[in-house]
Amino acid sequence: MTNSMFHEGHRTLQDEFDGRRVADALETHRRLPEFGDDQKALIQEAPFFILATAHAGSVDCSFKGGPSGFVRVTGPTMLEWPDFDGNSMYRSTGNILKSPACGLLFIRFDGSTRLRVNGDATIIRDHPRLADFPGAKMMLRLEAREIFPNCPRYIPNLGANAPSPYLPEADKPLMKPDWKDREYIRDILPETDPHR
């Protein structure tokens, strides 16, 4: 894993909006060195995830779906998934061929969980699990640099067909997310935070 989650652009905005202390505390207390049981369960139960890739100005964000269990955690910081037959554009996998850096976003739409996984992906054409997935043309393996359980604050509860209770509404006070009460956060919230 890399030393810091933040580059100069992140730091510029963190400083502008008095968020550096919170960002540093979240990196220290929430960034994971490897997948734990909760992250493995989320990933391996997921029927989909969102994949972001980029190369030389070609940026792509793609929905990747499959049967529950199509993504597997195969090592402390490694996961794999099949790439199914799509529309023949190969935007995500083409970007990965040129630039392996990518980000994965896993979301449980009961309003409870969001996980970011950033790392470097490789394409494997002769993977032994490939035959387990009809229509898959290749497998992808990602070595994670960052594993970060992220605030689920604005995730809607789709099972209840209900929006996130944290969405701002006119003439209603903002609902405070639990993470803002964590011991390492509550005293360092930005000056302008309504829950300070």
C-alpha atoms as a PDB file:
ATOM      1  CA  MET A   1       0.000   0.000   0.000  1.00  0.00           C
ATOM      2  CA  THR A   2       1.133   3.533  -0.658  1.00  0.00           C
ATOM      3  CA  ASN A   3       2.208   5.827   2.161  1.00  0.00           C
ATOM      4  CA  SER A   4      -0.591   8.361   1.843  1.00  0.00           C
ATOM      5  CA  MET A   5      -4.066   8.428   0.369  1.00  0.00           C
ATOM      6  CA  PHE A   6      -3.721  12.132  -0.428  1.00  0.00           C
ATOM      7  CA  HIS A   7      -1.935  14.152  -3.090  1.00  0.00           C
ATOM      8  CA  GLU A   8      -1.476  17.903  -3.408  1.00  0.00           C
ATOM      9  CA  GLY A   9      -4.913  18.417  -4.978  1.00  0.00           C
ATOM     10  CA  HIS A  10      -6.629  16.641  -2.090  1.00  0.00           C
ATOM     11  CA  ARG A  11      -4.580  18.646   0.411  1.00  0.00           C
ATOM     12  CA  THR A  12      -5.417  21.961  -1.277  1.00  0.00           C
ATOM     13  CA  LEU A  13      -9.150  21.393  -0.844  1.00  0.00           C
ATOM     14  CA  GLN A  14      -8.774  19.851   2.612  1.00  0.00           C
ATOM     15  CA  ASP A  15      -6.963  23.001   3.713  1.00  0.00           C
ATOM     16  CA  GLU A  16      -9.429  25.332   1.995  1.00  0.00           C
ATOM     17  CA  PHE A  17     -12.368  23.723   3.801  1.00  0.00           C
ATOM     18  CA  ASP A  18     -10.576  22.910   7.091  1.00  0.00           C
ATOM     19  CA  GLY A  19     -10.775  19.170   6.491  1.00  0.00           C
ATOM     20  CA  ARG A  20      -7.147  18.036   6.781  1.00  0.00           C
ATOM     21  CA  ARG A  21      -7.484  16.872  10.400  1.00  0.00           C
ATOM     22  CA  VAL A  22     -10.543  14.780   9.596  1.00  0.00           C
ATOM     23  CA  ALA A  23      -8.928  13.349   6.444  1.00  0.00           C
ATOM     24  CA  ASP A  24      -5.791  12.383   8.372  1.00  0.00           C
ATOM     25  CA  ALA A  25      -7.816  10.786  11.166  1.00  0.00           C
ATOM     26  CA  LEU A  26      -9.910   8.801   8.683  1.00  0.00           C
ATOM     27  CA  GLU A  27      -6.763   7.613   6.909  1.00  0.00           C
ATOM     28  CA  THR A  28      -5.241   6.561  10.231  1.00  0.00           C
ATOM     29  CA  HIS A  29      -8.319   4.826  11.644  1.00  0.00           C
ATOM     30  CA  ARG A  30     -10.291   3.604   8.630  1.00  0.00           C
ATOM     31  CA  ARG A  31      -7.774   2.728   5.914  1.00  0.00           C
ATOM     32  CA  LEU A  32      -7.084  -0.997   6.061  1.00  0.00           C
ATOM     33  CA  PRO A  33      -3.826  -2.834   5.380  1.00  0.00           C
ATOM     34  CA  GLU A  34      -5.755  -5.834   4.038  1.00  0.00           C
ATOM     35  CA  PHE A  35      -9.253  -7.198   3.550  1.00  0.00           C
ATOM     36  CA  GLY A  36     -10.978  -8.157   6.802  1.00  0.00           C
ATOM     37  CA  ASP A  37     -13.975 -10.424   7.268  1.00  0.00           C
ATOM     38  CA  ASP A  38     -16.502  -7.599   6.750  1.00  0.00           C
ATOM     39  CA  GLN A  39     -14.867  -6.471   3.512  1.00  0.00           C
ATOM     40  CA  LYS A  40     -14.582 -10.053   2.231  1.00  0.00           C
ATOM     41  CA  ALA A  41     -18.272 -10.641   2.919  1.00  0.00           C
ATOM     42  CA  LEU A  42     -19.323  -7.451   1.142  1.00  0.00           C
ATOM     43  CA  ILE A  43     -17.143  -8.193  -1.895  1.00  0.00           C
ATOM     44  CA  GLN A  44     -17.975 -11.877  -2.209  1.00  0.00           C
ATOM     45  CA  GLU A  45     -21.733 -11.361  -1.773  1.00  0.00           C
ATOM     46  CA  ALA A  46     -21.866  -8.437  -4.213  1.00  0.00           C
ATOM     47  CA  PRO A  47     -23.920  -8.895  -7.389  1.00  0.00           C
ATOM     48  CA  PHE A  48     -22.123  -5.849  -8.857  1.00  0.00           C
ATOM     49  CA  PHE A  49     -19.505  -3.164  -8.354  1.00  0.00           C
ATOM     50  CA  ILE A  50     -18.473   0.034 -10.108  1.00  0.00           C
ATOM     51  CA  LEU A  51     -15.082   0.063 -11.862  1.00  0.00           C
ATOM     52  CA  ALA A  52     -13.168   3.240 -12.706  1.00  0.00           C
ATOM     53  CA  THR A  53     -10.229   3.166 -15.124  1.00  0.00           C
ATOM     54  CA  ALA A  54      -8.257   5.796 -17.014  1.00  0.00           C
ATOM     55  CA  HIS A  55      -5.482   6.198 -19.563  1.00  0.00           C
ATOM     56  CA  ALA A  56      -4.137   9.373 -21.165  1.00  0.00           C
ATOM     57  CA  GLY A  57      -7.372  11.309 -20.840  1.00  0.00           C
ATOM     58  CA  SER A  58      -9.618   8.334 -21.612  1.00  0.00           C
ATOM     59  CA  VAL A  59     -11.591   7.973 -18.389  1.00  0.00           C
ATOM     60  CA  ASP A  60     -14.239   5.319 -17.927  1.00  0.00           C
ATOM     61  CA  CYS A  61     -16.629   4.287 -15.183  1.00  0.00           C
ATOM     62  CA  SER A  62     -18.427   1.010 -15.677  1.00  0.00           C
ATOM     63  CA  PHE A  63     -20.994  -1.162 -13.922  1.00  0.00           C
ATOM     64  CA  LYS A  64     -19.688  -4.716 -13.495  1.00  0.00           C
ATOM     65  CA  GLY A  65     -22.267  -7.316 -12.553  1.00  0.00           C
ATOM     66  CA  GLY A  66     -22.475 -11.055 -12.148  1.00  0.00           C
ATOM     67  CA  PRO A  67     -23.770 -13.794  -9.920  1.00  0.00           C
ATOM     68  CA  SER A  68     -23.191 -13.323  -6.219  1.00  0.00           C
ATOM     69  CA  GLY A  69     -19.639 -14.539  -5.592  1.00  0.00           C
ATOM     70  CA  PHE A  70     -18.297 -13.544  -9.017  1.00  0.00           C
ATOM     71  CA  VAL A  71     -15.726 -11.355  -7.255  1.00  0.00           C
ATOM     72  CA  ARG A  72     -13.453 -13.219  -4.871  1.00  0.00           C
ATOM     73  CA  VAL A  73     -10.861 -12.087  -2.382  1.00  0.00           C
ATOM     74  CA  THR A  74      -7.902 -14.341  -3.186  1.00  0.00           C
ATOM     75  CA  GLY A  75      -5.249 -12.886  -0.879  1.00  0.00           C
ATOM     76  CA  PRO A  76      -4.792 -10.341   1.910  1.00  0.00           C
ATOM     77  CA  THR A  77      -4.857  -7.457  -0.607  1.00  0.00           C
ATOM     78  CA  MET A  78      -5.897  -9.254  -3.795  1.00  0.00           C
ATOM     79  CA  LEU A  79      -9.200  -9.881  -5.522  1.00  0.00           C
ATOM     80  CA  GLU A  80     -10.302 -11.312  -8.871  1.00  0.00           C
ATOM     81  CA  TRP A  81     -13.341 -11.106 -11.117  1.00  0.00           C
ATOM     82  CA  PRO A  82     -14.387 -12.260 -14.601  1.00  0.00           C
ATOM     83  CA  ASP A  83     -14.859  -9.800 -17.436  1.00  0.00           C
ATOM     84  CA  PHE A  84     -18.043 -10.796 -19.214  1.00  0.00           C
ATOM     85  CA  ASP A  85     -18.836 -10.391 -22.870  1.00  0.00           C
ATOM     86  CA  GLY A  86     -20.083  -6.847 -23.328  1.00  0.00           C
ATOM     87  CA  ASN A  87     -20.526  -4.421 -26.193  1.00  0.00           C
ATOM     88  CA  SER A  88     -17.106  -5.049 -27.794  1.00  0.00           C
ATOM     89  CA  MET A  89     -15.712  -1.630 -26.850  1.00  0.00           C
ATOM     90  CA  TYR A  90     -13.365  -2.976 -24.123  1.00  0.00           C
ATOM     91  CA  ARG A  91     -13.120   0.440 -22.545  1.00  0.00           C
ATOM     92  CA  SER A  92     -12.266  -0.725 -19.015  1.00  0.00           C
ATOM     93  CA  THR A  93     -10.007  -3.604 -19.999  1.00  0.00           C
ATOM     94  CA  GLY A  94      -8.390  -1.533 -22.766  1.00  0.00           C
ATOM     95  CA  ASN A  95      -7.549   1.156 -20.232  1.00  0.00           C
ATOM     96  CA  ILE A  96      -6.146  -1.501 -17.882  1.00  0.00           C
ATOM     97  CA  LEU A  97      -3.893  -2.802 -20.688  1.00  0.00           C
ATOM     98  CA  LYS A  98      -2.383   0.687 -20.954  1.00  0.00           C
ATOM     99  CA  SER A  99      -2.607   1.783 -17.310  1.00  0.00           C
ATOM    100  CA  PRO A 100      -3.281  -0.767 -14.571  1.00  0.00           C
ATOM    101  CA  ALA A 101      -4.442   1.759 -11.942  1.00  0.00           C
ATOM    102  CA  CYS A 102      -8.143   1.457 -11.221  1.00  0.00           C
ATOM    103  CA  GLY A 103     -10.707   1.934  -8.489  1.00  0.00           C
ATOM    104  CA  LEU A 104     -13.555  -0.323  -7.422  1.00  0.00           C
ATOM    105  CA  LEU A 105     -16.595   0.761  -5.469  1.00  0.00           C
ATOM    106  CA  PHE A 106     -18.735  -1.787  -3.650  1.00  0.00           C
ATOM    107  CA  ILE A 107     -22.091  -0.659  -2.214  1.00  0.00           C
ATOM    108  CA  ARG A 108     -24.689  -2.471  -0.146  1.00  0.00           C
ATOM    109  CA  PHE A 109     -27.923  -0.651  -0.952  1.00  0.00           C
ATOM    110  CA  ASP A 110     -29.544  -1.015   2.433  1.00  0.00           C
ATOM    111  CA  GLY A 111     -27.906   2.265   3.406  1.00  0.00           C
ATOM    112  CA  SER A 112     -25.197   0.553   5.454  1.00  0.00           C
ATOM    113  CA  THR A 113     -21.959  -0.059   3.577  1.00  0.00           C
ATOM    114  CA  ARG A 114     -19.623   1.365   0.966  1.00  0.00           C
ATOM    115  CA  LEU A 115     -16.080   0.172   0.251  1.00  0.00           C
ATOM    116  CA  ARG A 116     -13.425   1.716  -1.995  1.00  0.00           C
ATOM    117  CA  VAL A 117     -10.627  -0.485  -3.296  1.00  0.00           C
ATOM    118  CA  ASN A 118      -7.895   1.200  -5.336  1.00  0.00           C
ATOM    119  CA  GLY A 119      -5.002  -0.666  -6.880  1.00  0.00           C
ATOM    120  CA  ASP A 120      -3.410  -2.109  -9.990  1.00  0.00           C
ATOM    121  CA  ALA A 121      -5.176  -4.657 -12.181  1.00  0.00           C
ATOM    122  CA  THR A 122      -3.814  -7.263 -14.553  1.00  0.00           C
ATOM    123  CA  ILE A 123      -5.647  -9.285 -17.182  1.00  0.00           C
ATOM    124  CA  ILE A 124      -5.376 -13.078 -17.081  1.00  0.00           C
ATOM    125  CA  ARG A 125      -6.555 -14.920 -20.179  1.00  0.00           C
ATOM    126  CA  ASP A 126      -5.917 -18.506 -19.052  1.00  0.00           C
ATOM    127  CA  HIS A 127      -7.214 -18.363 -15.479  1.00  0.00           C
ATOM    128  CA  PRO A 128      -8.554 -21.711 -14.180  1.00  0.00           C
ATOM    129  CA  ARG A 129     -11.789 -20.077 -12.916  1.00  0.00           C
ATOM    130  CA  LEU A 130     -12.620 -18.643 -16.334  1.00  0.00           C
ATOM    131  CA  ALA A 131     -14.603 -21.762 -17.268  1.00  0.00           C
ATOM    132  CA  ASP A 132     -16.869 -21.185 -14.235  1.00  0.00           C
ATOM    133  CA  PHE A 133     -18.366 -18.082 -15.869  1.00  0.00           C
ATOM    134  CA  PRO A 134     -20.158 -18.560 -19.200  1.00  0.00           C
ATOM    135  CA  GLY A 135     -19.597 -15.543 -21.412  1.00  0.00           C
ATOM    136  CA  ALA A 136     -16.455 -14.406 -19.585  1.00  0.00           C
ATOM    137  CA  LYS A 137     -13.531 -13.641 -21.872  1.00  0.00           C
ATOM    138  CA  MET A 138     -10.849 -12.983 -19.288  1.00  0.00           C
ATOM    139  CA  MET A 139     -10.237 -12.686 -15.561  1.00  0.00           C
ATOM    140  CA  LEU A 140      -8.935  -9.594 -13.847  1.00  0.00           C
ATOM    141  CA  ARG A 141      -6.765  -9.573 -10.747  1.00  0.00           C
ATOM    142  CA  LEU A 142      -6.351  -6.479  -8.606  1.00  0.00           C
ATOM    143  CA  GLU A 143      -3.600  -5.897  -6.064  1.00  0.00           C
ATOM    144  CA  ALA A 144      -5.019  -3.286  -3.690  1.00  0.00           C
ATOM    145  CA  ARG A 145      -3.038  -0.237  -2.627  1.00  0.00           C
ATOM    146  CA  GLU A 146      -5.932   1.262  -0.681  1.00  0.00           C
ATOM    147  CA  ILE A 147      -8.800  -0.490   1.091  1.00  0.00           C
ATOM    148  CA  PHE A 148     -11.092   2.096   2.564  1.00  0.00           C
ATOM    149  CA  PRO A 149     -14.530   1.528   4.133  1.00  0.00           C
ATOM    150  CA  ASN A 150     -16.219   4.777   3.190  1.00  0.00           C
ATOM    151  CA  CYS A 151     -19.095   6.695   4.744  1.00  0.00           C
ATOM    152  CA  PRO A 152     -22.439   5.248   3.578  1.00  0.00           C
ATOM    153  CA  ARG A 153     -24.222   8.473   4.461  1.00  0.00           C
ATOM    154  CA  TYR A 154     -25.971   9.147   1.128  1.00  0.00           C
ATOM    155  CA  ILE A 155     -26.648   5.567   0.071  1.00  0.00           C
ATOM    156  CA  PRO A 156     -30.380   5.055  -0.454  1.00  0.00           C
ATOM    157  CA  ASN A 157     -32.142   2.039   0.967  1.00  0.00           C
ATOM    158  CA  LEU A 158     -33.295   0.533  -2.308  1.00  0.00           C
ATOM    159  CA  GLY A 159     -34.889  -2.475  -0.620  1.00  0.00           C
ATOM    160  CA  ALA A 160     -37.304  -0.108   1.110  1.00  0.00           C
ATOM    161  CA  ASN A 161     -37.430   2.135  -1.964  1.00  0.00           C
ATOM    162  CA  ALA A 162     -36.371   4.969   0.322  1.00  0.00           C
ATOM    163  CA  PRO A 163     -33.776   7.690  -0.186  1.00  0.00           C
ATOM    164  CA  SER A 164     -30.908   8.060   2.238  1.00  0.00           C
ATOM    165  CA  PRO A 165     -32.144   9.698   5.453  1.00  0.00           C
ATOM    166  CA  TYR A 166     -29.027  11.897   5.331  1.00  0.00           C
ATOM    167  CA  LEU A 167     -30.003  13.743   2.167  1.00  0.00           C
ATOM    168  CA  PRO A 168     -30.399  17.446   2.879  1.00  0.00           C
ATOM    169  CA  GLU A 169     -33.971  18.716   2.833  1.00  0.00           C
ATOM    170  CA  ALA A 170     -35.248  22.272   2.998  1.00  0.00           C
ATOM    171  CA  ASP A 171     -36.358  23.354   6.463  1.00  0.00           C
ATOM    172  CA  LYS A 172     -35.075  20.183   8.162  1.00  0.00           C
ATOM    173  CA  PRO A 173     -31.910  19.864  10.234  1.00  0.00           C
ATOM    174  CA  LEU A 174     -29.220  17.669   8.732  1.00  0.00           C
ATOM    175  CA  MET A 175     -29.131  14.201  10.252  1.00  0.00           C
ATOM    176  CA  LYS A 176     -25.773  13.517  11.881  1.00  0.00           C
ATOM    177  CA  PRO A 177     -23.953  10.387  10.644  1.00  0.00           C
ATOM    178  CA  ASP A 178     -22.559   8.110  13.357  1.00  0.00           C
ATOM    179  CA  TRP A 179     -18.978   8.446  12.148  1.00  0.00           C
ATOM    180  CA  LYS A 180     -18.890  12.094  13.230  1.00  0.00           C
ATOM    181  CA  ASP A 181     -19.185  10.933  16.851  1.00  0.00           C
ATOM    182  CA  ARG A 182     -16.127   8.698  16.688  1.00  0.00           C
ATOM    183  CA  GLU A 183     -13.598   9.619  19.353  1.00  0.00           C
ATOM    184  CA  TYR A 184     -10.881  10.428  16.833  1.00  0.00           C
ATOM    185  CA  ILE A 185     -13.192  12.640  14.719  1.00  0.00           C
ATOM    186  CA  ARG A 186     -15.706  14.510  16.872  1.00  0.00           C
ATOM    187  CA  ASP A 187     -13.256  17.142  18.196  1.00  0.00           C
ATOM    188  CA  ILE A 188     -11.588  17.861  14.858  1.00  0.00           C
ATOM    189  CA  LEU A 189     -14.553  18.439  12.556  1.00  0.00           C
ATOM    190  CA  PRO A 190     -14.175  21.462  10.264  1.00  0.00           C
ATOM    191  CA  GLU A 191     -15.214  24.771  11.786  1.00  0.00           C
ATOM    192  CA  THR A 192     -18.079  25.056   9.305  1.00  0.00           C
ATOM    193  CA  ASP A 193     -19.461  21.544   9.932  1.00  0.00           C
ATOM    194  CA  PRO A 194     -23.080  21.814  11.114  1.00  0.00           C
ATOM    195  CA  HIS A 195     -22.539  18.929  13.550  1.00  0.00           C
ATOM    196  CA  ARG A 196     -19.480  20.378  15.274  1.00  0.00           C
END
